[in-house]
Amino acid sequence: MSFQDDVAILAQEGTIGVCWLVGDDQKIYYNYGDWAVDPLIPFNAWKSQNPAGIDFGGDLRFTVITISPDRIISTNISGQGHIMVAKCPKWAGCVITWSPATVEKNYAYASAARLAAKVQ
């Protein structure tokens, strides 16, 4: 299956609602779902390894739980879901996903990491 097929399956089962593929050049190469936020905000938090959180403005702030050179696992304490950043091992960039709060955050990250592994 392709990257796009896997995104569609994860979206259909409710694991992710939004997905972006962002290159190290800060270009957005792929997006799935509609959400009027800037995916470069979590991308830049990951690149700078800034554990301060992911702040989209207003009440939309995600607390970083885990940050490392290959990931960010973050959650919104108001129940607005999780933002995951997973480094692509074979491509210079990452996959960024949003998952609903009903999805366990470690499962949400594992799904983002599986998508990242598909990118060539």
PDB file of N, CA and C in Angstrom:
ATOM      1  N   MET A   1       0.825  -1.188   0.000  1.00  0.00           N
ATOM      2  CA  MET A   1       0.000   0.000   0.000  1.00  0.00           C
ATOM      3  C   MET A   1       0.868   1.249   0.000  1.00  0.00           C
ATOM      4  N   SER A   2       0.318   2.299  -0.539  1.00  0.00           N
ATOM      5  CA  SER A   2       1.046   3.562  -0.607  1.00  0.00           C
ATOM      6  C   SER A   2       0.838   4.381   0.672  1.00  0.00           C
ATOM      7  N   PHE A   3       1.623   5.416   0.808  1.00  0.00           N
ATOM      8  CA  PHE A   3       1.483   6.367   1.912  1.00  0.00           C
ATOM      9  C   PHE A   3       0.056   6.906   1.964  1.00  0.00           C
ATOM     10  N   GLN A   4      -0.461   7.341   0.806  1.00  0.00           N
ATOM     11  CA  GLN A   4      -1.812   7.900   0.742  1.00  0.00           C
ATOM     12  C   GLN A   4      -2.869   6.884   1.141  1.00  0.00           C
ATOM     13  N   ASP A   5      -2.693   5.615   0.728  1.00  0.00           N
ATOM     14  CA  ASP A   5      -3.632   4.568   1.112  1.00  0.00           C
ATOM     15  C   ASP A   5      -3.645   4.390   2.631  1.00  0.00           C
ATOM     16  N   ASP A   6      -2.464   4.374   3.234  1.00  0.00           N
ATOM     17  CA  ASP A   6      -2.374   4.212   4.686  1.00  0.00           C
ATOM     18  C   ASP A   6      -2.991   5.398   5.419  1.00  0.00           C
ATOM     19  N   VAL A   7      -2.782   6.612   4.916  1.00  0.00           N
ATOM     20  CA  VAL A   7      -3.414   7.791   5.518  1.00  0.00           C
ATOM     21  C   VAL A   7      -4.932   7.632   5.471  1.00  0.00           C
ATOM     22  N   ALA A   8      -5.463   7.228   4.331  1.00  0.00           N
ATOM     23  CA  ALA A   8      -6.917   7.069   4.182  1.00  0.00           C
ATOM     24  C   ALA A   8      -7.462   6.011   5.138  1.00  0.00           C
ATOM     25  N   ILE A   9      -6.741   4.920   5.323  1.00  0.00           N
ATOM     26  CA  ILE A   9      -7.179   3.865   6.246  1.00  0.00           C
ATOM     27  C   ILE A   9      -7.179   4.383   7.686  1.00  0.00           C
ATOM     28  N   LEU A  10      -6.107   5.051   8.085  1.00  0.00           N
ATOM     29  CA  LEU A  10      -6.041   5.592   9.445  1.00  0.00           C
ATOM     30  C   LEU A  10      -7.127   6.640   9.683  1.00  0.00           C
ATOM     31  N   ALA A  11      -7.417   7.445   8.679  1.00  0.00           N
ATOM     32  CA  ALA A  11      -8.486   8.440   8.795  1.00  0.00           C
ATOM     33  C   ALA A  11      -9.846   7.754   8.896  1.00  0.00           C
ATOM     34  N   GLN A  12     -10.051   6.725   8.088  1.00  0.00           N
ATOM     35  CA  GLN A  12     -11.337   6.019   8.104  1.00  0.00           C
ATOM     36  C   GLN A  12     -11.584   5.351   9.449  1.00  0.00           C
ATOM     37  N   GLU A  13     -10.543   4.802  10.053  1.00  0.00           N
ATOM     38  CA  GLU A  13     -10.727   4.153  11.351  1.00  0.00           C
ATOM     39  C   GLU A  13     -10.743   5.149  12.509  1.00  0.00           C
ATOM     40  N   GLY A  14     -10.474   6.436  12.226  1.00  0.00           N
ATOM     41  CA  GLY A  14     -10.549   7.474  13.246  1.00  0.00           C
ATOM     42  C   GLY A  14      -9.268   7.704  14.024  1.00  0.00           C
ATOM     43  N   THR A  15      -8.173   7.095  13.586  1.00  0.00           N
ATOM     44  CA  THR A  15      -6.897   7.260  14.285  1.00  0.00           C
ATOM     45  C   THR A  15      -6.301   8.641  14.050  1.00  0.00           C
ATOM     46  N   ILE A  16      -6.417   9.148  12.834  1.00  0.00           N
ATOM     47  CA  ILE A  16      -5.945  10.502  12.534  1.00  0.00           C
ATOM     48  C   ILE A  16      -7.071  11.276  11.856  1.00  0.00           C
ATOM     49  N   GLY A  17      -7.005  12.578  12.011  1.00  0.00           N
ATOM     50  CA  GLY A  17      -7.965  13.444  11.337  1.00  0.00           C
ATOM     51  C   GLY A  17      -7.303  14.360  10.339  1.00  0.00           C
ATOM     52  N   VAL A  18      -6.015  14.644  10.587  1.00  0.00           N
ATOM     53  CA  VAL A  18      -5.252  15.530   9.721  1.00  0.00           C
ATOM     54  C   VAL A  18      -3.840  14.970   9.613  1.00  0.00           C
ATOM     55  N   CYS A  19      -3.245  15.124   8.428  1.00  0.00           N
ATOM     56  CA  CYS A  19      -1.880  14.651   8.209  1.00  0.00           C
ATOM     57  C   CYS A  19      -1.177  15.599   7.243  1.00  0.00           C
ATOM     58  N   TRP A  20       0.071  15.936   7.584  1.00  0.00           N
ATOM     59  CA  TRP A  20       0.907  16.732   6.695  1.00  0.00           C
ATOM     60  C   TRP A  20       2.239  16.020   6.509  1.00  0.00           C
ATOM     61  N   LEU A  21       2.801  16.160   5.336  1.00  0.00           N
ATOM     62  CA  LEU A  21       4.159  15.718   5.058  1.00  0.00           C
ATOM     63  C   LEU A  21       4.959  16.986   4.788  1.00  0.00           C
ATOM     64  N   VAL A  22       5.916  17.286   5.677  1.00  0.00           N
ATOM     65  CA  VAL A  22       6.666  18.531   5.605  1.00  0.00           C
ATOM     66  C   VAL A  22       8.146  18.205   5.417  1.00  0.00           C
ATOM     67  N   GLY A  23       8.743  18.802   4.398  1.00  0.00           N
ATOM     68  CA  GLY A  23      10.157  18.591   4.133  1.00  0.00           C
ATOM     69  C   GLY A  23      11.030  19.494   4.986  1.00  0.00           C
ATOM     70  N   ASP A  24      12.297  19.121   5.105  1.00  0.00           N
ATOM     71  CA  ASP A  24      13.238  19.953   5.853  1.00  0.00           C
ATOM     72  C   ASP A  24      13.375  21.345   5.239  1.00  0.00           C
ATOM     73  N   ASP A  25      12.939  21.514   3.999  1.00  0.00           N
ATOM     74  CA  ASP A  25      12.933  22.821   3.354  1.00  0.00           C
ATOM     75  C   ASP A  25      11.693  23.650   3.735  1.00  0.00           C
ATOM     76  N   GLN A  26      10.890  23.122   4.672  1.00  0.00           N
ATOM     77  CA  GLN A  26       9.667  23.746   5.180  1.00  0.00           C
ATOM     78  C   GLN A  26       8.551  23.823   4.144  1.00  0.00           C
ATOM     79  N   LYS A  27       8.638  23.006   3.110  1.00  0.00           N
ATOM     80  CA  LYS A  27       7.553  22.922   2.131  1.00  0.00           C
ATOM     81  C   LYS A  27       6.590  21.815   2.564  1.00  0.00           C
ATOM     82  N   ILE A  28       5.318  22.052   2.335  1.00  0.00           N
ATOM     83  CA  ILE A  28       4.297  21.053   2.626  1.00  0.00           C
ATOM     84  C   ILE A  28       4.078  20.254   1.344  1.00  0.00           C
ATOM     85  N   TYR A  29       4.453  18.979   1.390  1.00  0.00           N
ATOM     86  CA  TYR A  29       4.387  18.128   0.207  1.00  0.00           C
ATOM     87  C   TYR A  29       3.087  17.346   0.111  1.00  0.00           C
ATOM     88  N   TYR A  30       2.402  17.217   1.215  1.00  0.00           N
ATOM     89  CA  TYR A  30       1.151  16.456   1.223  1.00  0.00           C
ATOM     90  C   TYR A  30       0.332  16.922   2.408  1.00  0.00           C
ATOM     91  N   ASN A  31      -0.973  17.002   2.218  1.00  0.00           N
ATOM     92  CA  ASN A  31      -1.842  17.222   3.364  1.00  0.00           C
ATOM     93  C   ASN A  31      -3.144  16.462   3.175  1.00  0.00           C
ATOM     94  N   TYR A  32      -3.664  16.013   4.280  1.00  0.00           N
ATOM     95  CA  TYR A  32      -4.934  15.298   4.306  1.00  0.00           C
ATOM     96  C   TYR A  32      -5.767  15.912   5.422  1.00  0.00           C
ATOM     97  N   GLY A  33      -7.001  16.200   5.129  1.00  0.00           N
ATOM     98  CA  GLY A  33      -7.908  16.756   6.123  1.00  0.00           C
ATOM     99  C   GLY A  33      -7.857  18.272   6.120  1.00  0.00           C
ATOM    100  N   ASP A  34      -8.863  18.841   6.719  1.00  0.00           N
ATOM    101  CA  ASP A  34      -8.986  20.293   6.775  1.00  0.00           C
ATOM    102  C   ASP A  34      -8.829  20.766   8.208  1.00  0.00           C
ATOM    103  N   TRP A  35      -7.829  21.604   8.396  1.00  0.00           N
ATOM    104  CA  TRP A  35      -7.639  22.243   9.690  1.00  0.00           C
ATOM    105  C   TRP A  35      -6.851  23.505   9.434  1.00  0.00           C
ATOM    106  N   ALA A  36      -7.395  24.622   9.806  1.00  0.00           N
ATOM    107  CA  ALA A  36      -6.793  25.916   9.488  1.00  0.00           C
ATOM    108  C   ALA A  36      -5.718  26.300  10.501  1.00  0.00           C
ATOM    109  N   VAL A  37      -4.719  25.441  10.634  1.00  0.00           N
ATOM    110  CA  VAL A  37      -3.556  25.757  11.464  1.00  0.00           C
ATOM    111  C   VAL A  37      -2.311  25.601  10.601  1.00  0.00           C
ATOM    112  N   ASP A  38      -1.231  26.175  11.060  1.00  0.00           N
ATOM    113  CA  ASP A  38       0.022  26.134  10.323  1.00  0.00           C
ATOM    114  C   ASP A  38       0.850  24.927  10.771  1.00  0.00           C
ATOM    115  N   PRO A  39       1.040  23.933   9.896  1.00  0.00           N
ATOM    116  CA  PRO A  39       1.830  22.766  10.299  1.00  0.00           C
ATOM    117  C   PRO A  39       3.304  23.079  10.527  1.00  0.00           C
ATOM    118  N   LEU A  40       3.750  24.260  10.119  1.00  0.00           N
ATOM    119  CA  LEU A  40       5.142  24.630  10.383  1.00  0.00           C
ATOM    120  C   LEU A  40       5.379  24.953  11.857  1.00  0.00           C
ATOM    121  N   ILE A  41       4.318  25.208  12.621  1.00  0.00           N
ATOM    122  CA  ILE A  41       4.482  25.455  14.058  1.00  0.00           C
ATOM    123  C   ILE A  41       4.998  24.188  14.757  1.00  0.00           C
ATOM    124  N   PRO A  42       4.336  23.019  14.611  1.00  0.00           N
ATOM    125  CA  PRO A  42       4.917  21.815  15.224  1.00  0.00           C
ATOM    126  C   PRO A  42       6.224  21.389  14.551  1.00  0.00           C
ATOM    127  N   PHE A  43       6.341  21.628  13.241  1.00  0.00           N
ATOM    128  CA  PHE A  43       7.586  21.301  12.543  1.00  0.00           C
ATOM    129  C   PHE A  43       8.762  22.065  13.157  1.00  0.00           C
ATOM    130  N   ASN A  44       8.589  23.363  13.357  1.00  0.00           N
ATOM    131  CA  ASN A  44       9.667  24.188  13.919  1.00  0.00           C
ATOM    132  C   ASN A  44       9.953  23.840  15.377  1.00  0.00           C
ATOM    133  N   ALA A  45       8.931  23.459  16.134  1.00  0.00           N
ATOM    134  CA  ALA A  45       9.158  23.001  17.513  1.00  0.00           C
ATOM    135  C   ALA A  45      10.028  21.748  17.509  1.00  0.00           C
ATOM    136  N   TRP A  46       9.764  20.854  16.563  1.00  0.00           N
ATOM    137  CA  TRP A  46      10.559  19.623  16.443  1.00  0.00           C
ATOM    138  C   TRP A  46      11.989  19.935  16.001  1.00  0.00           C
ATOM    139  N   LYS A  47      12.134  20.753  14.956  1.00  0.00           N
ATOM    140  CA  LYS A  47      13.470  21.067  14.442  1.00  0.00           C
ATOM    141  C   LYS A  47      14.327  21.774  15.498  1.00  0.00           C
ATOM    142  N   SER A  48      13.718  22.650  16.276  1.00  0.00           N
ATOM    143  CA  SER A  48      14.481  23.382  17.299  1.00  0.00           C
ATOM    144  C   SER A  48      14.557  22.613  18.619  1.00  0.00           C
ATOM    145  N   GLN A  49      13.845  21.469  18.684  1.00  0.00           N
ATOM    146  CA  GLN A  49      13.782  20.664  19.905  1.00  0.00           C
ATOM    147  C   GLN A  49      13.310  21.520  21.091  1.00  0.00           C
ATOM    148  N   ASN A  50      12.292  22.326  20.825  1.00  0.00           N
ATOM    149  CA  ASN A  50      11.736  23.221  21.831  1.00  0.00           C
ATOM    150  C   ASN A  50      10.626  22.512  22.612  1.00  0.00           C
ATOM    151  N   PRO A  51      10.870  22.189  23.879  1.00  0.00           N
ATOM    152  CA  PRO A  51       9.869  21.471  24.671  1.00  0.00           C
ATOM    153  C   PRO A  51       8.786  22.373  25.263  1.00  0.00           C
ATOM    154  N   ALA A  52       8.793  23.653  24.904  1.00  0.00           N
ATOM    155  CA  ALA A  52       7.855  24.604  25.503  1.00  0.00           C
ATOM    156  C   ALA A  52       6.406  24.334  25.114  1.00  0.00           C
ATOM    157  N   GLY A  53       6.169  23.589  24.079  1.00  0.00           N
ATOM    158  CA  GLY A  53       4.809  23.312  23.654  1.00  0.00           C
ATOM    159  C   GLY A  53       4.562  23.767  22.234  1.00  0.00           C
ATOM    160  N   ILE A  54       3.420  23.400  21.736  1.00  0.00           N
ATOM    161  CA  ILE A  54       3.014  23.762  20.382  1.00  0.00           C
ATOM    162  C   ILE A  54       1.800  24.673  20.528  1.00  0.00           C
ATOM    163  N   ASP A  55       1.981  25.921  20.170  1.00  0.00           N
ATOM    164  CA  ASP A  55       0.954  26.932  20.397  1.00  0.00           C
ATOM    165  C   ASP A  55       0.464  27.465  19.058  1.00  0.00           C
ATOM    166  N   PHE A  56      -0.797  27.143  18.735  1.00  0.00           N
ATOM    167  CA  PHE A  56      -1.402  27.629  17.500  1.00  0.00           C
ATOM    168  C   PHE A  56      -2.126  28.953  17.712  1.00  0.00           C
ATOM    169  N   GLY A  57      -2.092  29.478  18.937  1.00  0.00           N
ATOM    170  CA  GLY A  57      -2.789  30.719  19.252  1.00  0.00           C
ATOM    171  C   GLY A  57      -4.146  30.445  19.865  1.00  0.00           C
ATOM    172  N   GLY A  58      -4.675  31.432  20.528  1.00  0.00           N
ATOM    173  CA  GLY A  58      -5.955  31.258  21.211  1.00  0.00           C
ATOM    174  C   GLY A  58      -5.856  30.182  22.281  1.00  0.00           C
ATOM    175  N   ASP A  59      -6.850  29.330  22.327  1.00  0.00           N
ATOM    176  CA  ASP A  59      -6.876  28.244  23.314  1.00  0.00           C
ATOM    177  C   ASP A  59      -6.280  26.953  22.782  1.00  0.00           C
ATOM    178  N   LEU A  60      -5.687  26.998  21.619  1.00  0.00           N
ATOM    179  CA  LEU A  60      -5.194  25.774  20.980  1.00  0.00           C
ATOM    180  C   LEU A  60      -3.699  25.602  21.226  1.00  0.00           C
ATOM    181  N   ARG A  61      -3.391  24.993  22.373  1.00  0.00           N
ATOM    182  CA  ARG A  61      -2.006  24.761  22.776  1.00  0.00           C
ATOM    183  C   ARG A  61      -1.850  23.293  23.149  1.00  0.00           C
ATOM    184  N   PHE A  62      -0.750  22.703  22.684  1.00  0.00           N
ATOM    185  CA  PHE A  62      -0.472  21.293  22.954  1.00  0.00           C
ATOM    186  C   PHE A  62       0.770  21.188  23.828  1.00  0.00           C
ATOM    187  N   THR A  63       0.660  20.444  24.906  1.00  0.00           N
ATOM    188  CA  THR A  63       1.761  20.215  25.830  1.00  0.00           C
ATOM    189  C   THR A  63       2.645  19.103  25.284  1.00  0.00           C
ATOM    190  N   VAL A  64       3.933  19.356  25.203  1.00  0.00           N
ATOM    191  CA  VAL A  64       4.874  18.341  24.720  1.00  0.00           C
ATOM    192  C   VAL A  64       5.135  17.346  25.843  1.00  0.00           C
ATOM    193  N   ILE A  65       4.900  16.085  25.542  1.00  0.00           N
ATOM    194  CA  ILE A  65       5.138  15.007  26.497  1.00  0.00           C
ATOM    195  C   ILE A  65       6.506  14.384  26.245  1.00  0.00           C
ATOM    196  N   THR A  66       6.824  14.163  24.981  1.00  0.00           N
ATOM    197  CA  THR A  66       8.105  13.587  24.582  1.00  0.00           C
ATOM    198  C   THR A  66       8.640  14.371  23.399  1.00  0.00           C
ATOM    199  N   ILE A  67       9.924  14.697  23.466  1.00  0.00           N
ATOM    200  CA  ILE A  67      10.584  15.347  22.334  1.00  0.00           C
ATOM    201  C   ILE A  67      11.961  14.723  22.181  1.00  0.00           C
ATOM    202  N   SER A  68      12.308  14.387  20.957  1.00  0.00           N
ATOM    203  CA  SER A  68      13.621  13.822  20.645  1.00  0.00           C
ATOM    204  C   SER A  68      13.907  14.137  19.180  1.00  0.00           C
ATOM    205  N   PRO A  69      15.110  13.829  18.700  1.00  0.00           N
ATOM    206  CA  PRO A  69      15.416  14.130  17.298  1.00  0.00           C
ATOM    207  C   PRO A  69      14.516  13.408  16.289  1.00  0.00           C
ATOM    208  N   ASP A  70      13.798  12.379  16.717  1.00  0.00           N
ATOM    209  CA  ASP A  70      12.941  11.674  15.764  1.00  0.00           C
ATOM    210  C   ASP A  70      11.445  11.808  16.044  1.00  0.00           C
ATOM    211  N   ARG A  71      11.049  12.591  17.083  1.00  0.00           N
ATOM    212  CA  ARG A  71       9.615  12.671  17.386  1.00  0.00           C
ATOM    213  C   ARG A  71       9.237  13.817  18.307  1.00  0.00           C
ATOM    214  N   ILE A  72       7.957  14.149  18.221  1.00  0.00           N
ATOM    215  CA  ILE A  72       7.268  14.918  19.255  1.00  0.00           C
ATOM    216  C   ILE A  72       5.958  14.189  19.509  1.00  0.00           C
ATOM    217  N   ILE A  73       5.683  13.986  20.773  1.00  0.00           N
ATOM    218  CA  ILE A  73       4.379  13.491  21.202  1.00  0.00           C
ATOM    219  C   ILE A  73       3.802  14.597  22.068  1.00  0.00           C
ATOM    220  N   SER A  74       2.648  15.120  21.660  1.00  0.00           N
ATOM    221  CA  SER A  74       2.046  16.218  22.416  1.00  0.00           C
ATOM    222  C   SER A  74       0.539  16.005  22.519  1.00  0.00           C
ATOM    223  N   THR A  75      -0.036  16.613  23.544  1.00  0.00           N
ATOM    224  CA  THR A  75      -1.468  16.480  23.760  1.00  0.00           C
ATOM    225  C   THR A  75      -2.042  17.805  24.238  1.00  0.00           C
ATOM    226  N   ASN A  76      -3.312  17.982  24.016  1.00  0.00           N
ATOM    227  CA  ASN A  76      -4.016  19.169  24.454  1.00  0.00           C
ATOM    228  C   ASN A  76      -4.748  18.826  25.750  1.00  0.00           C
ATOM    229  N   ILE A  77      -4.435  19.525  26.827  1.00  0.00           N
ATOM    230  CA  ILE A  77      -5.026  19.166  28.115  1.00  0.00           C
ATOM    231  C   ILE A  77      -6.517  19.490  28.196  1.00  0.00           C
ATOM    232  N   SER A  78      -7.031  20.255  27.238  1.00  0.00           N
ATOM    233  CA  SER A  78      -8.467  20.553  27.193  1.00  0.00           C
ATOM    234  C   SER A  78      -9.242  19.508  26.407  1.00  0.00           C
ATOM    235  N   GLY A  79      -8.558  18.449  25.989  1.00  0.00           N
ATOM    236  CA  GLY A  79      -9.240  17.360  25.289  1.00  0.00           C
ATOM    237  C   GLY A  79      -9.395  17.560  23.799  1.00  0.00           C
ATOM    238  N   GLN A  80      -8.550  18.402  23.198  1.00  0.00           N
ATOM    239  CA  GLN A  80      -8.655  18.655  21.760  1.00  0.00           C
ATOM    240  C   GLN A  80      -7.694  17.791  20.942  1.00  0.00           C
ATOM    241  N   GLY A  81      -7.268  16.678  21.494  1.00  0.00           N
ATOM    242  CA  GLY A  81      -6.496  15.716  20.720  1.00  0.00           C
ATOM    243  C   GLY A  81      -4.999  15.811  20.915  1.00  0.00           C
ATOM    244  N   HIS A  82      -4.287  15.201  19.977  1.00  0.00           N
ATOM    245  CA  HIS A  82      -2.842  15.065  20.039  1.00  0.00           C
ATOM    246  C   HIS A  82      -2.209  15.505  18.725  1.00  0.00           C
ATOM    247  N   ILE A  83      -1.056  16.140  18.819  1.00  0.00           N
ATOM    248  CA  ILE A  83      -0.232  16.444  17.650  1.00  0.00           C
ATOM    249  C   ILE A  83       1.018  15.574  17.749  1.00  0.00           C
ATOM    250  N   MET A  84       1.306  14.860  16.674  1.00  0.00           N
ATOM    251  CA  MET A  84       2.481  14.009  16.610  1.00  0.00           C
ATOM    252  C   MET A  84       3.379  14.474  15.477  1.00  0.00           C
ATOM    253  N   VAL A  85       4.675  14.422  15.699  1.00  0.00           N
ATOM    254  CA  VAL A  85       5.664  14.675  14.661  1.00  0.00           C
ATOM    255  C   VAL A  85       6.558  13.440  14.625  1.00  0.00           C
ATOM    256  N   ALA A  86       6.668  12.829  13.455  1.00  0.00           N
ATOM    257  CA  ALA A  86       7.515  11.638  13.295  1.00  0.00           C
ATOM    258  C   ALA A  86       8.488  11.868  12.147  1.00  0.00           C
ATOM    259  N   LYS A  87       9.765  11.780  12.451  1.00  0.00           N
ATOM    260  CA  LYS A  87      10.805  11.965  11.435  1.00  0.00           C
ATOM    261  C   LYS A  87      10.740  10.829  10.422  1.00  0.00           C
ATOM    262  N   CYS A  88      10.885  11.176   9.159  1.00  0.00           N
ATOM    263  CA  CYS A  88      10.952  10.166   8.095  1.00  0.00           C
ATOM    264  C   CYS A  88      12.381   9.622   8.048  1.00  0.00           C
ATOM    265  N   PRO A  89      12.557   8.312   8.210  1.00  0.00           N
ATOM    266  CA  PRO A  89      13.919   7.771   8.240  1.00  0.00           C
ATOM    267  C   PRO A  89      14.629   7.774   6.886  1.00  0.00           C
ATOM    268  N   LYS A  90      13.871   7.797   5.780  1.00  0.00           N
ATOM    269  CA  LYS A  90      14.482   7.698   4.448  1.00  0.00           C
ATOM    270  C   LYS A  90      14.302   8.965   3.611  1.00  0.00           C
ATOM    271  N   TRP A  91      13.808  10.036   4.223  1.00  0.00           N
ATOM    272  CA  TRP A  91      13.539  11.275   3.500  1.00  0.00           C
ATOM    273  C   TRP A  91      13.778  12.431   4.456  1.00  0.00           C
ATOM    274  N   ALA A  92      14.229  13.555   3.956  1.00  0.00           N
ATOM    275  CA  ALA A  92      14.533  14.716   4.797  1.00  0.00           C
ATOM    276  C   ALA A  92      13.258  15.484   5.118  1.00  0.00           C
ATOM    277  N   GLY A  93      12.575  15.044   6.139  1.00  0.00           N
ATOM    278  CA  GLY A  93      11.349  15.693   6.559  1.00  0.00           C
ATOM    279  C   GLY A  93      10.633  14.865   7.602  1.00  0.00           C
ATOM    280  N   CYS A  94       9.359  15.199   7.804  1.00  0.00           N
ATOM    281  CA  CYS A  94       8.587  14.498   8.826  1.00  0.00           C
ATOM    282  C   CYS A  94       7.121  14.424   8.442  1.00  0.00           C
ATOM    283  N   VAL A  95       6.428  13.549   9.155  1.00  0.00           N
ATOM    284  CA  VAL A  95       4.977  13.443   9.089  1.00  0.00           C
ATOM    285  C   VAL A  95       4.437  14.083  10.360  1.00  0.00           C
ATOM    286  N   ILE A  96       3.444  14.933  10.201  1.00  0.00           N
ATOM    287  CA  ILE A  96       2.772  15.559  11.339  1.00  0.00           C
ATOM    288  C   ILE A  96       1.308  15.143  11.273  1.00  0.00           C
ATOM    289  N   THR A  97       0.795  14.646  12.390  1.00  0.00           N
ATOM    290  CA  THR A  97      -0.602  14.225  12.421  1.00  0.00           C
ATOM    291  C   THR A  97      -1.321  14.836  13.606  1.00  0.00           C
ATOM    292  N   TRP A  98      -2.624  14.955  13.449  1.00  0.00           N
ATOM    293  CA  TRP A  98      -3.503  15.275  14.570  1.00  0.00           C
ATOM    294  C   TRP A  98      -4.413  14.079  14.760  1.00  0.00           C
ATOM    295  N   SER A  99      -4.545  13.651  15.999  1.00  0.00           N
ATOM    296  CA  SER A  99      -5.444  12.549  16.349  1.00  0.00           C
ATOM    297  C   SER A  99      -6.427  13.037  17.402  1.00  0.00           C
ATOM    298  N   PRO A 100      -7.660  12.533  17.360  1.00  0.00           N
ATOM    299  CA  PRO A 100      -8.631  12.923  18.382  1.00  0.00           C
ATOM    300  C   PRO A 100      -8.200  12.432  19.766  1.00  0.00           C
ATOM    301  N   ALA A 101      -8.733  13.058  20.794  1.00  0.00           N
ATOM    302  CA  ALA A 101      -8.394  12.709  22.173  1.00  0.00           C
ATOM    303  C   ALA A 101      -8.784  11.275  22.521  1.00  0.00           C
ATOM    304  N   THR A 102      -9.730  10.703  21.794  1.00  0.00           N
ATOM    305  CA  THR A 102     -10.165   9.328  22.067  1.00  0.00           C
ATOM    306  C   THR A 102      -9.115   8.291  21.668  1.00  0.00           C
ATOM    307  N   VAL A 103      -8.144   8.704  20.866  1.00  0.00           N
ATOM    308  CA  VAL A 103      -7.065   7.799  20.444  1.00  0.00           C
ATOM    309  C   VAL A 103      -5.933   7.909  21.466  1.00  0.00           C
ATOM    310  N   GLU A 104      -5.498   6.780  21.984  1.00  0.00           N
ATOM    311  CA  GLU A 104      -4.407   6.756  22.956  1.00  0.00           C
ATOM    312  C   GLU A 104      -3.160   7.353  22.309  1.00  0.00           C
ATOM    313  N   LYS A 105      -2.476   8.246  23.003  1.00  0.00           N
ATOM    314  CA  LYS A 105      -1.391   9.025  22.382  1.00  0.00           C
ATOM    315  C   LYS A 105      -0.245   8.159  21.863  1.00  0.00           C
ATOM    316  N   ASN A 106       0.084   7.065  22.529  1.00  0.00           N
ATOM    317  CA  ASN A 106       1.167   6.210  22.027  1.00  0.00           C
ATOM    318  C   ASN A 106       0.757   5.493  20.736  1.00  0.00           C
ATOM    319  N   TYR A 107      -0.512   5.134  20.624  1.00  0.00           N
ATOM    320  CA  TYR A 107      -1.009   4.537  19.382  1.00  0.00           C
ATOM    321  C   TYR A 107      -1.016   5.581  18.268  1.00  0.00           C
ATOM    322  N   ALA A 108      -1.388   6.799  18.620  1.00  0.00           N
ATOM    323  CA  ALA A 108      -1.390   7.882  17.626  1.00  0.00           C
ATOM    324  C   ALA A 108       0.024   8.114  17.105  1.00  0.00           C
ATOM    325  N   TYR A 109       1.020   8.102  18.016  1.00  0.00           N
ATOM    326  CA  TYR A 109       2.398   8.281  17.561  1.00  0.00           C
ATOM    327  C   TYR A 109       2.849   7.096  16.705  1.00  0.00           C
ATOM    328  N   ALA A 110       2.532   5.880  17.124  1.00  0.00           N
ATOM    329  CA  ALA A 110       2.940   4.697  16.353  1.00  0.00           C
ATOM    330  C   ALA A 110       2.372   4.766  14.938  1.00  0.00           C
ATOM    331  N   SER A 111       1.167   5.269  14.794  1.00  0.00           N
ATOM    332  CA  SER A 111       0.559   5.411  13.466  1.00  0.00           C
ATOM    333  C   SER A 111       1.308   6.453  12.639  1.00  0.00           C
ATOM    334  N   ALA A 112       1.672   7.568  13.257  1.00  0.00           N
ATOM    335  CA  ALA A 112       2.444   8.600  12.552  1.00  0.00           C
ATOM    336  C   ALA A 112       3.814   8.056  12.145  1.00  0.00           C
ATOM    337  N   ALA A 113       4.444   7.299  13.024  1.00  0.00           N
ATOM    338  CA  ALA A 113       5.761   6.729  12.716  1.00  0.00           C
ATOM    339  C   ALA A 113       5.675   5.713  11.584  1.00  0.00           C
ATOM    340  N   ARG A 114       4.608   4.917  11.538  1.00  0.00           N
ATOM    341  CA  ARG A 114       4.422   3.975  10.416  1.00  0.00           C
ATOM    342  C   ARG A 114       4.285   4.730   9.097  1.00  0.00           C
ATOM    343  N   LEU A 115       3.560   5.835   9.116  1.00  0.00           N
ATOM    344  CA  LEU A 115       3.433   6.653   7.907  1.00  0.00           C
ATOM    345  C   LEU A 115       4.798   7.218   7.511  1.00  0.00           C
ATOM    346  N   ALA A 116       5.549   7.715   8.472  1.00  0.00           N
ATOM    347  CA  ALA A 116       6.861   8.301   8.186  1.00  0.00           C
ATOM    348  C   ALA A 116       7.799   7.274   7.572  1.00  0.00           C
ATOM    349  N   ALA A 117       7.689   6.038   8.011  1.00  0.00           N
ATOM    350  CA  ALA A 117       8.555   4.969   7.474  1.00  0.00           C
ATOM    351  C   ALA A 117       8.240   4.648   6.017  1.00  0.00           C
ATOM    352  N   LYS A 118       7.042   5.004   5.565  1.00  0.00           N
ATOM    353  CA  LYS A 118       6.634   4.742   4.180  1.00  0.00           C
ATOM    354  C   LYS A 118       7.229   5.749   3.186  1.00  0.00           C
ATOM    355  N   VAL A 119       7.623   6.908   3.676  1.00  0.00           N
ATOM    356  CA  VAL A 119       8.071   7.990   2.801  1.00  0.00           C
ATOM    357  C   VAL A 119       9.502   7.683   2.307  1.00  0.00           C
ATOM    358  N   GLN A 120       9.676   7.752   1.009  1.00  0.00           N
ATOM    359  CA  GLN A 120      10.989   7.465   0.404  1.00  0.00           C
ATOM    360  C   GLN A 120      11.694   8.739   0.001  1.00  0.00           C
TER     361      GLN A 120
END
